[in-house]
């Protein structure tokens, strides 16, 4: 029973930590929204109209690059950042727009 209690407590703690993290990030984004919209908006606004295109490319690249052995979070952040950057350039230059639906 000790293991069950430990797992249940751990699960509740993780849920609470996730709730605190999401709430804190939301408050942080809302506090700096005026500064974030012009800068991050330039990155994400072009991706919006091509969302299906972005989803398909992101899924394919993630399937190829993600491996269960990749446990380094910094490497994962770097790969995801590079993936967003490459897909953004592809959207801006309309690469494969005739082949992949938007």
Protein backbone atom coordinates (compact mmCIF):
# COMPACT_ATOMS: atom_id res chain seq x y z
CA UNK A 1 0.00 0.00 0.00
CA UNK A 2 2.95 2.29 0.51
CA UNK A 3 3.74 2.24 -3.21
CA UNK A 4 0.14 3.03 -4.12
CA UNK A 5 0.04 5.97 -1.73
CA UNK A 6 3.37 7.23 -3.05
CA UNK A 7 2.17 7.01 -6.66
CA UNK A 8 -1.13 8.71 -5.87
CA UNK A 9 0.60 11.51 -3.96
CA UNK A 10 3.15 11.91 -6.72
CA UNK A 11 0.39 12.11 -9.32
CA UNK A 12 -1.46 14.78 -7.35
CA UNK A 13 1.77 16.72 -6.84
CA UNK A 14 2.54 16.58 -10.54
CA UNK A 15 -0.98 17.75 -11.43
CA UNK A 16 -0.70 20.63 -8.97
CA UNK A 17 2.75 21.56 -10.30
CA UNK A 18 1.42 21.53 -13.88
CA UNK A 19 -1.51 23.74 -12.87
CA UNK A 20 0.81 26.22 -11.15
CA UNK A 21 3.17 26.25 -14.13
CA UNK A 22 0.43 26.83 -16.71
CA UNK A 23 -1.20 29.54 -14.59
CA UNK A 24 2.13 31.28 -14.04
CA UNK A 25 3.03 31.18 -17.73
CA UNK A 26 -0.41 32.54 -18.64
CA UNK A 27 0.01 35.42 -16.16
CA UNK A 28 3.51 36.13 -17.50
CA UNK A 29 2.33 36.20 -21.11
CA UNK A 30 -0.62 38.46 -20.21
CA UNK A 31 1.70 40.83 -18.33
CA UNK A 32 4.07 41.21 -21.29
CA UNK A 33 1.50 40.79 -24.06
CA UNK A 34 2.07 44.26 -25.51
CA UNK A 35 5.76 43.48 -26.03
CA UNK A 36 5.28 39.88 -27.16
CA UNK A 37 2.68 40.42 -29.88
CA UNK A 38 4.86 42.49 -32.25
CA UNK A 39 7.88 40.23 -31.87
CA UNK A 40 6.40 36.74 -31.65
CA UNK A 41 3.53 37.72 -33.93
CA UNK A 42 5.95 38.14 -36.83
CA UNK A 43 6.93 34.50 -36.36
CA UNK A 44 3.53 32.91 -35.77
CA UNK A 45 1.12 34.99 -37.88
CA UNK A 46 2.41 33.65 -41.24
CA UNK A 47 2.06 30.10 -39.92
CA UNK A 48 -1.66 30.52 -39.15
CA UNK A 49 -3.10 30.47 -42.69
CA UNK A 50 -0.87 27.50 -43.55
CA UNK A 51 -1.70 25.54 -40.40
CA UNK A 52 -2.40 22.22 -42.14
CA UNK A 53 0.87 22.56 -44.08
CA UNK A 54 2.73 23.32 -40.83
CA UNK A 55 1.07 20.40 -39.04
CA UNK A 56 1.98 17.94 -41.79
CA UNK A 57 5.61 19.09 -41.98
CA UNK A 58 5.99 19.23 -38.21
CA UNK A 59 4.57 15.73 -37.88
CA UNK A 60 6.90 14.31 -40.52
CA UNK A 61 9.99 16.00 -39.12
CA UNK A 62 9.11 15.03 -35.55
CA UNK A 63 8.59 11.41 -36.60
CA UNK A 64 12.03 11.35 -38.20
CA UNK A 65 13.96 13.29 -35.52
CA UNK A 66 12.39 12.19 -32.27
CA UNK A 67 13.88 9.13 -30.70
CA UNK A 68 13.09 7.63 -27.33
CA UNK A 69 16.76 7.89 -26.44
CA UNK A 70 16.70 11.69 -26.85
CA UNK A 71 16.23 12.62 -23.22
CA UNK A 72 18.21 15.87 -23.10
CA UNK A 73 15.61 18.66 -22.76
CA UNK A 74 17.94 21.32 -24.15
CA UNK A 75 18.51 19.27 -27.28
CA UNK A 76 14.75 18.83 -27.65
CA UNK A 77 14.21 22.60 -27.31
CA UNK A 78 16.95 23.30 -29.85
CA UNK A 79 15.52 20.80 -32.35
CA UNK A 80 11.99 22.16 -31.93
CA UNK A 81 13.21 25.75 -32.33
CA UNK A 82 15.14 24.86 -35.45
CA UNK A 83 12.12 22.97 -36.79
CA UNK A 84 9.86 26.01 -36.28
CA UNK A 85 12.44 28.22 -37.98
CA UNK A 86 12.82 25.93 -40.99
CA UNK A 87 9.06 25.55 -41.39
CA UNK A 88 8.62 29.33 -41.10
CA UNK A 89 11.15 29.86 -43.92
CA UNK A 90 9.37 27.23 -45.99
CA UNK A 91 6.02 28.99 -45.47
CA UNK A 92 7.46 32.41 -46.30
CA UNK A 93 9.04 31.06 -49.51
CA UNK A 94 6.00 28.89 -50.33
CA UNK A 95 8.12 25.74 -50.63
CA UNK A 96 6.07 22.64 -51.49
CA UNK A 97 2.81 24.63 -51.43
CA UNK A 98 1.66 22.89 -54.61
CA UNK A 99 2.18 19.46 -53.08
CA UNK A 100 1.21 19.82 -49.41
CA UNK A 101 -2.28 21.17 -48.65
CA UNK A 102 -2.69 24.35 -46.63
